[in-house]
Amino acid sequence: MSPQEKFNALPDIMPQPSGSKGIYKSSIAIDKIVYTSGHVPFDTKGDRIKGKVGLNMSTEEAKAVARNVGLCILKTLVNDYGSLDNIKRVVKILGMVNAVPEYAEHPIVINGCSELFREIWGEDFGVGARSAVGMGSLPDHVPVEIEAIFELK
């Protein structure tokens, strides 16, 4: 199956991202490199999912939220570039986790997004470089924000 067919076949309940609160583009391409802005999680009504990992959200819940953010990124790619089939590979992911100071499982949380991208493009093209870092806060008290870089075909 192609990346777009894999996306269309996902059993996930799709989030409904709503408008941004800032002045930016959701993605921009320079030559064959696509940079996405930081994406945050949304529920099916378009409301932001909120929480602080280690306080009122578990690692497993936050991992599911990171997958949700990955879905939002994929929706942006489809909207901006027509199809995930036009994306060759994942280059890099930067995952930010809103967590209590003593929290240390940021990479496990961001695996939610990384595993999704691997499902779509496979091991060779769906796994790129990555950073997973903790933050004292994120906009609107969301638990996860992720930005990514992709290569176009």
N, C-alpha and C. Protein backbone atom coordinates (compact mmCIF):
# COMPACT_ATOMS: atom_id res chain seq x y z
N MET A 1 0.84 -1.19 0.00
CA MET A 1 0.00 0.00 0.00
C MET A 1 0.88 1.25 0.00
N SER A 2 0.39 2.29 -0.61
CA SER A 2 1.12 3.56 -0.64
C SER A 2 0.95 4.27 0.70
N PRO A 3 1.79 5.28 0.97
CA PRO A 3 1.61 6.04 2.22
C PRO A 3 0.21 6.62 2.39
N GLN A 4 -0.36 7.16 1.32
CA GLN A 4 -1.71 7.73 1.43
C GLN A 4 -2.74 6.65 1.71
N GLU A 5 -2.60 5.49 1.08
CA GLU A 5 -3.52 4.39 1.34
C GLU A 5 -3.40 3.91 2.79
N LYS A 6 -2.19 3.85 3.31
CA LYS A 6 -1.99 3.46 4.71
C LYS A 6 -2.65 4.48 5.64
N PHE A 7 -2.49 5.76 5.33
CA PHE A 7 -3.13 6.81 6.14
C PHE A 7 -4.65 6.66 6.11
N ASN A 8 -5.20 6.47 4.92
CA ASN A 8 -6.65 6.34 4.77
C ASN A 8 -7.19 5.12 5.50
N ALA A 9 -6.37 4.08 5.66
CA ALA A 9 -6.80 2.84 6.30
C ALA A 9 -6.60 2.84 7.82
N LEU A 10 -6.03 3.89 8.38
CA LEU A 10 -5.79 3.91 9.82
C LEU A 10 -7.11 3.81 10.58
N PRO A 11 -7.12 3.04 11.67
CA PRO A 11 -8.34 2.90 12.45
C PRO A 11 -8.57 4.06 13.43
N ASP A 12 -7.60 4.98 13.52
CA ASP A 12 -7.67 6.08 14.48
C ASP A 12 -8.90 6.96 14.23
N ILE A 13 -9.43 7.49 15.31
CA ILE A 13 -10.44 8.54 15.21
C ILE A 13 -9.66 9.83 14.96
N MET A 14 -9.92 10.47 13.86
CA MET A 14 -9.10 11.60 13.44
C MET A 14 -9.41 12.87 14.23
N PRO A 15 -8.35 13.54 14.68
CA PRO A 15 -8.53 14.83 15.35
C PRO A 15 -8.97 15.87 14.32
N GLN A 16 -9.57 16.93 14.81
CA GLN A 16 -10.01 18.03 13.94
C GLN A 16 -9.28 19.31 14.35
N PRO A 17 -8.10 19.53 13.80
CA PRO A 17 -7.36 20.75 14.16
C PRO A 17 -8.17 22.00 13.85
N SER A 18 -8.12 22.96 14.75
CA SER A 18 -8.78 24.24 14.51
C SER A 18 -7.71 25.28 14.20
N GLY A 19 -8.10 26.49 14.02
CA GLY A 19 -7.18 27.54 13.63
C GLY A 19 -6.08 27.81 14.65
N SER A 20 -5.02 28.40 14.18
CA SER A 20 -3.89 28.71 15.04
C SER A 20 -4.13 30.02 15.79
N LYS A 21 -3.33 30.24 16.79
CA LYS A 21 -3.38 31.48 17.55
C LYS A 21 -2.20 32.39 17.22
N GLY A 22 -1.37 31.94 16.30
CA GLY A 22 -0.17 32.71 15.95
C GLY A 22 -0.15 33.09 14.48
N ILE A 23 0.90 33.78 14.12
CA ILE A 23 1.08 34.20 12.73
C ILE A 23 2.17 33.32 12.13
N TYR A 24 1.76 32.30 11.39
CA TYR A 24 2.71 31.37 10.78
C TYR A 24 1.97 30.49 9.79
N LYS A 25 2.73 29.77 8.98
CA LYS A 25 2.18 28.78 8.07
C LYS A 25 2.35 27.41 8.70
N SER A 26 1.42 26.52 8.44
CA SER A 26 1.50 25.17 9.00
C SER A 26 2.68 24.39 8.44
N SER A 27 3.04 24.70 7.20
CA SER A 27 4.22 24.10 6.60
C SER A 27 4.74 25.01 5.51
N ILE A 28 6.00 24.80 5.19
CA ILE A 28 6.61 25.54 4.09
C ILE A 28 7.66 24.64 3.45
N ALA A 29 7.72 24.68 2.13
CA ALA A 29 8.70 23.86 1.40
C ALA A 29 9.76 24.77 0.79
N ILE A 30 10.98 24.36 0.93
CA ILE A 30 12.11 25.01 0.27
C ILE A 30 12.82 23.92 -0.50
N ASP A 31 12.83 24.06 -1.81
CA ASP A 31 13.31 23.01 -2.70
C ASP A 31 12.53 21.73 -2.38
N LYS A 32 13.19 20.67 -1.96
CA LYS A 32 12.49 19.41 -1.68
C LYS A 32 12.34 19.14 -0.18
N ILE A 33 12.58 20.14 0.65
CA ILE A 33 12.47 19.97 2.09
C ILE A 33 11.24 20.69 2.61
N VAL A 34 10.40 19.97 3.36
CA VAL A 34 9.19 20.52 3.96
C VAL A 34 9.43 20.67 5.46
N TYR A 35 9.21 21.86 5.96
CA TYR A 35 9.30 22.15 7.40
C TYR A 35 7.89 22.36 7.91
N THR A 36 7.51 21.61 8.93
CA THR A 36 6.20 21.86 9.53
C THR A 36 6.38 22.68 10.79
N SER A 37 5.43 23.55 11.04
CA SER A 37 5.39 24.29 12.30
C SER A 37 5.06 23.32 13.42
N GLY A 38 5.23 23.77 14.64
CA GLY A 38 4.84 22.94 15.77
C GLY A 38 3.35 22.66 15.73
N HIS A 39 2.98 21.40 15.83
CA HIS A 39 1.58 20.98 15.85
C HIS A 39 1.24 20.52 17.26
N VAL A 40 0.01 20.76 17.66
CA VAL A 40 -0.47 20.39 18.98
C VAL A 40 -1.69 19.46 18.83
N PRO A 41 -2.09 18.79 19.91
CA PRO A 41 -3.18 17.81 19.81
C PRO A 41 -4.58 18.44 19.88
N PHE A 42 -5.48 17.84 19.10
CA PHE A 42 -6.88 18.26 19.08
C PHE A 42 -7.78 17.05 19.21
N ASP A 43 -8.94 17.25 19.81
CA ASP A 43 -9.93 16.18 19.87
C ASP A 43 -10.80 16.24 18.61
N THR A 44 -11.83 15.42 18.56
CA THR A 44 -12.67 15.34 17.37
C THR A 44 -13.57 16.56 17.18
N LYS A 45 -13.67 17.41 18.20
CA LYS A 45 -14.48 18.63 18.11
C LYS A 45 -13.64 19.85 17.75
N GLY A 46 -12.32 19.69 17.68
CA GLY A 46 -11.46 20.82 17.38
C GLY A 46 -10.94 21.54 18.61
N ASP A 47 -11.16 20.96 19.79
CA ASP A 47 -10.65 21.53 21.03
C ASP A 47 -9.26 20.96 21.31
N ARG A 48 -8.38 21.80 21.84
CA ARG A 48 -7.04 21.33 22.18
C ARG A 48 -7.09 20.38 23.38
N ILE A 49 -6.31 19.32 23.30
CA ILE A 49 -6.16 18.40 24.42
C ILE A 49 -5.14 19.02 25.37
N LYS A 50 -5.46 19.05 26.66
CA LYS A 50 -4.60 19.71 27.63
C LYS A 50 -4.14 18.73 28.70
N GLY A 51 -3.01 19.05 29.34
CA GLY A 51 -2.51 18.21 30.42
C GLY A 51 -1.03 18.41 30.63
N LYS A 52 -0.54 17.93 31.75
CA LYS A 52 0.88 17.99 32.08
C LYS A 52 1.32 16.57 32.44
N VAL A 53 2.29 16.06 31.70
CA VAL A 53 2.73 14.68 31.89
C VAL A 53 3.44 14.56 33.24
N GLY A 54 3.03 13.53 33.98
CA GLY A 54 3.58 13.32 35.31
C GLY A 54 2.76 13.99 36.40
N LEU A 55 1.80 14.82 36.01
CA LEU A 55 0.92 15.48 36.98
C LEU A 55 -0.50 14.93 36.82
N ASN A 56 -1.10 15.19 35.66
CA ASN A 56 -2.47 14.71 35.43
C ASN A 56 -2.58 13.90 34.14
N MET A 57 -1.43 13.43 33.64
CA MET A 57 -1.41 12.60 32.44
C MET A 57 -0.27 11.61 32.55
N SER A 58 -0.56 10.35 32.25
CA SER A 58 0.46 9.30 32.32
C SER A 58 1.31 9.27 31.04
N THR A 59 2.38 8.53 31.09
CA THR A 59 3.24 8.36 29.92
C THR A 59 2.46 7.75 28.77
N GLU A 60 1.67 6.72 29.04
CA GLU A 60 0.90 6.05 27.98
C GLU A 60 -0.16 6.99 27.39
N GLU A 61 -0.81 7.78 28.23
CA GLU A 61 -1.78 8.76 27.71
C GLU A 61 -1.07 9.79 26.84
N ALA A 62 0.09 10.25 27.28
CA ALA A 62 0.85 11.25 26.51
C ALA A 62 1.35 10.66 25.20
N LYS A 63 1.71 9.38 25.21
CA LYS A 63 2.15 8.72 23.97
C LYS A 63 1.01 8.71 22.95
N ALA A 64 -0.21 8.45 23.42
CA ALA A 64 -1.39 8.50 22.54
C ALA A 64 -1.61 9.92 22.02
N VAL A 65 -1.35 10.91 22.86
CA VAL A 65 -1.46 12.31 22.44
C VAL A 65 -0.42 12.62 21.36
N ALA A 66 0.80 12.10 21.51
CA ALA A 66 1.84 12.31 20.49
C ALA A 66 1.42 11.69 19.16
N ARG A 67 0.75 10.55 19.20
CA ARG A 67 0.23 9.96 17.96
C ARG A 67 -0.81 10.90 17.35
N ASN A 68 -1.68 11.46 18.19
CA ASN A 68 -2.68 12.42 17.74
C ASN A 68 -2.01 13.60 17.03
N VAL A 69 -0.93 14.11 17.61
CA VAL A 69 -0.21 15.22 16.99
C VAL A 69 0.36 14.78 15.64
N GLY A 70 0.89 13.56 15.59
CA GLY A 70 1.39 13.02 14.31
C GLY A 70 0.29 12.98 13.26
N LEU A 71 -0.91 12.60 13.65
CA LEU A 71 -2.05 12.60 12.72
C LEU A 71 -2.33 14.01 12.22
N CYS A 72 -2.25 14.99 13.12
CA CYS A 72 -2.45 16.39 12.71
C CYS A 72 -1.40 16.82 11.69
N ILE A 73 -0.16 16.41 11.91
CA ILE A 73 0.92 16.73 10.96
C ILE A 73 0.62 16.08 9.61
N LEU A 74 0.21 14.82 9.62
CA LEU A 74 -0.10 14.13 8.37
C LEU A 74 -1.24 14.82 7.63
N LYS A 75 -2.25 15.29 8.37
CA LYS A 75 -3.36 16.01 7.73
C LYS A 75 -2.86 17.30 7.08
N THR A 76 -1.92 17.98 7.74
CA THR A 76 -1.33 19.18 7.14
C THR A 76 -0.62 18.85 5.84
N LEU A 77 0.15 17.77 5.85
CA LEU A 77 0.87 17.37 4.64
C LEU A 77 -0.09 17.05 3.50
N VAL A 78 -1.18 16.36 3.80
CA VAL A 78 -2.17 16.05 2.77
C VAL A 78 -2.79 17.34 2.25
N ASN A 79 -3.16 18.25 3.16
CA ASN A 79 -3.78 19.51 2.74
C ASN A 79 -2.84 20.37 1.90
N ASP A 80 -1.57 20.41 2.30
CA ASP A 80 -0.63 21.31 1.64
C ASP A 80 0.06 20.72 0.41
N TYR A 81 0.19 19.38 0.34
CA TYR A 81 0.96 18.75 -0.74
C TYR A 81 0.14 17.71 -1.50
N GLY A 82 -1.16 17.63 -1.25
CA GLY A 82 -2.07 16.81 -2.04
C GLY A 82 -2.18 15.36 -1.62
N SER A 83 -1.11 14.76 -1.18
CA SER A 83 -1.12 13.34 -0.83
C SER A 83 0.16 13.00 -0.08
N LEU A 84 0.09 12.05 0.82
CA LEU A 84 1.30 11.58 1.48
C LEU A 84 2.21 10.84 0.50
N ASP A 85 1.67 10.46 -0.65
CA ASP A 85 2.49 9.83 -1.68
C ASP A 85 3.51 10.81 -2.27
N ASN A 86 3.31 12.10 -2.05
CA ASN A 86 4.26 13.11 -2.52
C ASN A 86 5.40 13.36 -1.54
N ILE A 87 5.34 12.71 -0.39
CA ILE A 87 6.38 12.84 0.63
C ILE A 87 7.29 11.62 0.53
N LYS A 88 8.58 11.84 0.35
CA LYS A 88 9.52 10.73 0.21
C LYS A 88 9.89 10.12 1.55
N ARG A 89 10.21 10.99 2.53
CA ARG A 89 10.71 10.45 3.79
C ARG A 89 10.59 11.45 4.93
N VAL A 90 10.65 10.91 6.14
CA VAL A 90 10.79 11.72 7.35
C VAL A 90 12.27 12.02 7.51
N VAL A 91 12.59 13.29 7.72
CA VAL A 91 13.98 13.69 7.94
C VAL A 91 14.26 13.84 9.43
N LYS A 92 13.40 14.60 10.13
CA LYS A 92 13.65 14.87 11.55
C LYS A 92 12.36 15.21 12.26
N ILE A 93 12.28 14.80 13.51
CA ILE A 93 11.16 15.14 14.40
C ILE A 93 11.74 15.82 15.63
N LEU A 94 11.11 16.91 16.04
CA LEU A 94 11.41 17.53 17.34
C LEU A 94 10.13 17.45 18.15
N GLY A 95 10.18 16.66 19.23
CA GLY A 95 9.03 16.49 20.11
C GLY A 95 9.27 17.18 21.44
N MET A 96 8.30 17.98 21.85
CA MET A 96 8.38 18.72 23.11
C MET A 96 7.27 18.22 24.02
N VAL A 97 7.64 17.87 25.25
CA VAL A 97 6.70 17.30 26.21
C VAL A 97 6.56 18.24 27.40
N ASN A 98 5.34 18.67 27.67
CA ASN A 98 5.02 19.51 28.82
C ASN A 98 4.94 18.57 30.03
N ALA A 99 5.97 18.60 30.87
CA ALA A 99 6.05 17.63 31.96
C ALA A 99 6.55 18.28 33.25
N VAL A 100 6.31 17.57 34.34
CA VAL A 100 6.84 18.01 35.63
C VAL A 100 8.36 17.91 35.58
N PRO A 101 9.08 18.71 36.39
CA PRO A 101 10.55 18.75 36.30
C PRO A 101 11.24 17.39 36.46
N GLU A 102 10.70 16.51 37.28
CA GLU A 102 11.36 15.23 37.53
C GLU A 102 11.03 14.16 36.49
N TYR A 103 10.21 14.48 35.51
CA TYR A 103 9.83 13.51 34.48
C TYR A 103 11.02 13.20 33.57
N ALA A 104 11.16 11.92 33.15
CA ALA A 104 12.33 11.54 32.37
C ALA A 104 12.03 10.63 31.18
N GLU A 105 10.75 10.44 30.83
CA GLU A 105 10.41 9.49 29.78
C GLU A 105 9.95 10.17 28.48
N HIS A 106 10.51 11.32 28.20
CA HIS A 106 10.13 12.08 27.01
C HIS A 106 10.24 11.26 25.72
N PRO A 107 11.33 10.48 25.53
CA PRO A 107 11.42 9.69 24.29
C PRO A 107 10.28 8.68 24.12
N ILE A 108 9.82 8.09 25.22
CA ILE A 108 8.70 7.14 25.13
C ILE A 108 7.44 7.85 24.66
N VAL A 109 7.21 9.05 25.15
CA VAL A 109 6.04 9.83 24.72
C VAL A 109 6.11 10.10 23.23
N ILE A 110 7.22 10.60 22.75
CA ILE A 110 7.35 10.98 21.34
C ILE A 110 7.34 9.77 20.41
N ASN A 111 7.59 8.57 20.96
CA ASN A 111 7.46 7.36 20.16
C ASN A 111 6.06 7.24 19.56
N GLY A 112 5.06 7.83 20.20
CA GLY A 112 3.70 7.79 19.64
C GLY A 112 3.65 8.35 18.23
N CYS A 113 4.35 9.43 17.99
CA CYS A 113 4.43 10.04 16.66
C CYS A 113 5.39 9.25 15.76
N SER A 114 6.54 8.89 16.30
CA SER A 114 7.54 8.17 15.50
C SER A 114 7.00 6.84 14.99
N GLU A 115 6.27 6.13 15.84
CA GLU A 115 5.69 4.84 15.42
C GLU A 115 4.66 5.04 14.32
N LEU A 116 3.88 6.11 14.39
CA LEU A 116 2.91 6.42 13.35
C LEU A 116 3.60 6.66 12.01
N PHE A 117 4.63 7.49 12.01
CA PHE A 117 5.33 7.79 10.76
C PHE A 117 5.98 6.52 10.19
N ARG A 118 6.48 5.65 11.06
CA ARG A 118 7.05 4.38 10.60
C ARG A 118 5.97 3.51 9.96
N GLU A 119 4.75 3.53 10.52
CA GLU A 119 3.63 2.79 9.92
C GLU A 119 3.34 3.28 8.50
N ILE A 120 3.45 4.59 8.30
CA ILE A 120 3.08 5.18 7.01
C ILE A 120 4.16 4.98 5.96
N TRP A 121 5.43 5.24 6.29
CA TRP A 121 6.50 5.19 5.30
C TRP A 121 7.45 4.01 5.45
N GLY A 122 7.30 3.20 6.49
CA GLY A 122 8.18 2.06 6.70
C GLY A 122 9.44 2.43 7.44
N GLU A 123 10.23 1.42 7.75
CA GLU A 123 11.46 1.60 8.54
C GLU A 123 12.48 2.49 7.85
N ASP A 124 12.67 2.33 6.55
CA ASP A 124 13.71 3.08 5.85
C ASP A 124 13.36 4.56 5.65
N PHE A 125 12.11 4.86 5.35
CA PHE A 125 11.72 6.24 5.04
C PHE A 125 10.87 6.89 6.12
N GLY A 126 10.37 6.12 7.07
CA GLY A 126 9.50 6.66 8.10
C GLY A 126 10.20 6.97 9.41
N VAL A 127 11.47 6.59 9.52
CA VAL A 127 12.24 6.84 10.74
C VAL A 127 13.38 7.78 10.38
N GLY A 128 13.38 8.96 11.00
CA GLY A 128 14.42 9.94 10.74
C GLY A 128 15.18 10.26 12.01
N ALA A 129 15.92 11.32 11.98
CA ALA A 129 16.58 11.82 13.19
C ALA A 129 15.49 12.37 14.11
N ARG A 130 15.81 12.48 15.42
CA ARG A 130 14.77 12.90 16.35
C ARG A 130 15.36 13.48 17.61
N SER A 131 14.64 14.44 18.17
CA SER A 131 14.92 14.95 19.51
C SER A 131 13.62 14.92 20.29
N ALA A 132 13.71 14.55 21.57
CA ALA A 132 12.55 14.54 22.46
C ALA A 132 12.97 15.25 23.74
N VAL A 133 12.35 16.38 24.00
CA VAL A 133 12.78 17.21 25.13
C VAL A 133 11.59 17.59 26.02
N GLY A 134 11.91 17.91 27.27
CA GLY A 134 10.90 18.33 28.22
C GLY A 134 10.81 19.84 28.29
N MET A 135 9.61 20.32 28.54
CA MET A 135 9.34 21.75 28.67
C MET A 135 8.56 22.00 29.96
N GLY A 136 8.77 23.15 30.54
CA GLY A 136 8.03 23.54 31.74
C GLY A 136 6.59 23.89 31.43
N SER A 137 6.33 24.31 30.20
CA SER A 137 4.97 24.60 29.75
C SER A 137 4.97 24.62 28.23
N LEU A 138 3.78 24.49 27.67
CA LEU A 138 3.58 24.61 26.22
C LEU A 138 2.32 25.45 26.01
N PRO A 139 2.13 26.01 24.82
CA PRO A 139 0.97 26.86 24.56
C PRO A 139 -0.35 26.19 24.93
N ASP A 140 -1.22 26.93 25.58
CA ASP A 140 -2.56 26.46 25.93
C ASP A 140 -2.53 25.23 26.83
N HIS A 141 -1.43 24.99 27.49
CA HIS A 141 -1.28 23.86 28.42
C HIS A 141 -1.42 22.51 27.74
N VAL A 142 -1.05 22.42 26.44
CA VAL A 142 -1.07 21.12 25.76
C VAL A 142 0.08 20.27 26.29
N PRO A 143 -0.07 18.94 26.27
CA PRO A 143 0.99 18.08 26.79
C PRO A 143 2.12 17.81 25.81
N VAL A 144 1.86 17.95 24.50
CA VAL A 144 2.85 17.62 23.49
C VAL A 144 2.75 18.61 22.33
N GLU A 145 3.90 19.03 21.83
CA GLU A 145 3.98 19.79 20.58
C GLU A 145 5.09 19.16 19.77
N ILE A 146 4.84 18.97 18.47
CA ILE A 146 5.82 18.33 17.60
C ILE A 146 5.94 19.11 16.30
N GLU A 147 7.19 19.30 15.88
CA GLU A 147 7.46 19.83 14.54
C GLU A 147 8.27 18.78 13.80
N ALA A 148 8.19 18.77 12.47
CA ALA A 148 8.88 17.75 11.70
C ALA A 148 9.39 18.32 10.39
N ILE A 149 10.37 17.63 9.85
CA ILE A 149 10.95 17.97 8.56
C ILE A 149 10.82 16.74 7.68
N PHE A 150 10.39 16.94 6.43
CA PHE A 150 10.19 15.85 5.48
C PHE A 150 10.89 16.19 4.16
N GLU A 151 11.15 15.17 3.38
CA GLU A 151 11.67 15.35 2.02
C GLU A 151 10.57 15.04 1.04
N LEU A 152 10.35 15.94 0.07
CA LEU A 152 9.40 15.70 -1.01
C LEU A 152 10.02 14.80 -2.06
N LYS A 153 9.17 14.12 -2.82
CA LYS A 153 9.65 13.31 -3.95
C LYS A 153 10.03 14.21 -5.09
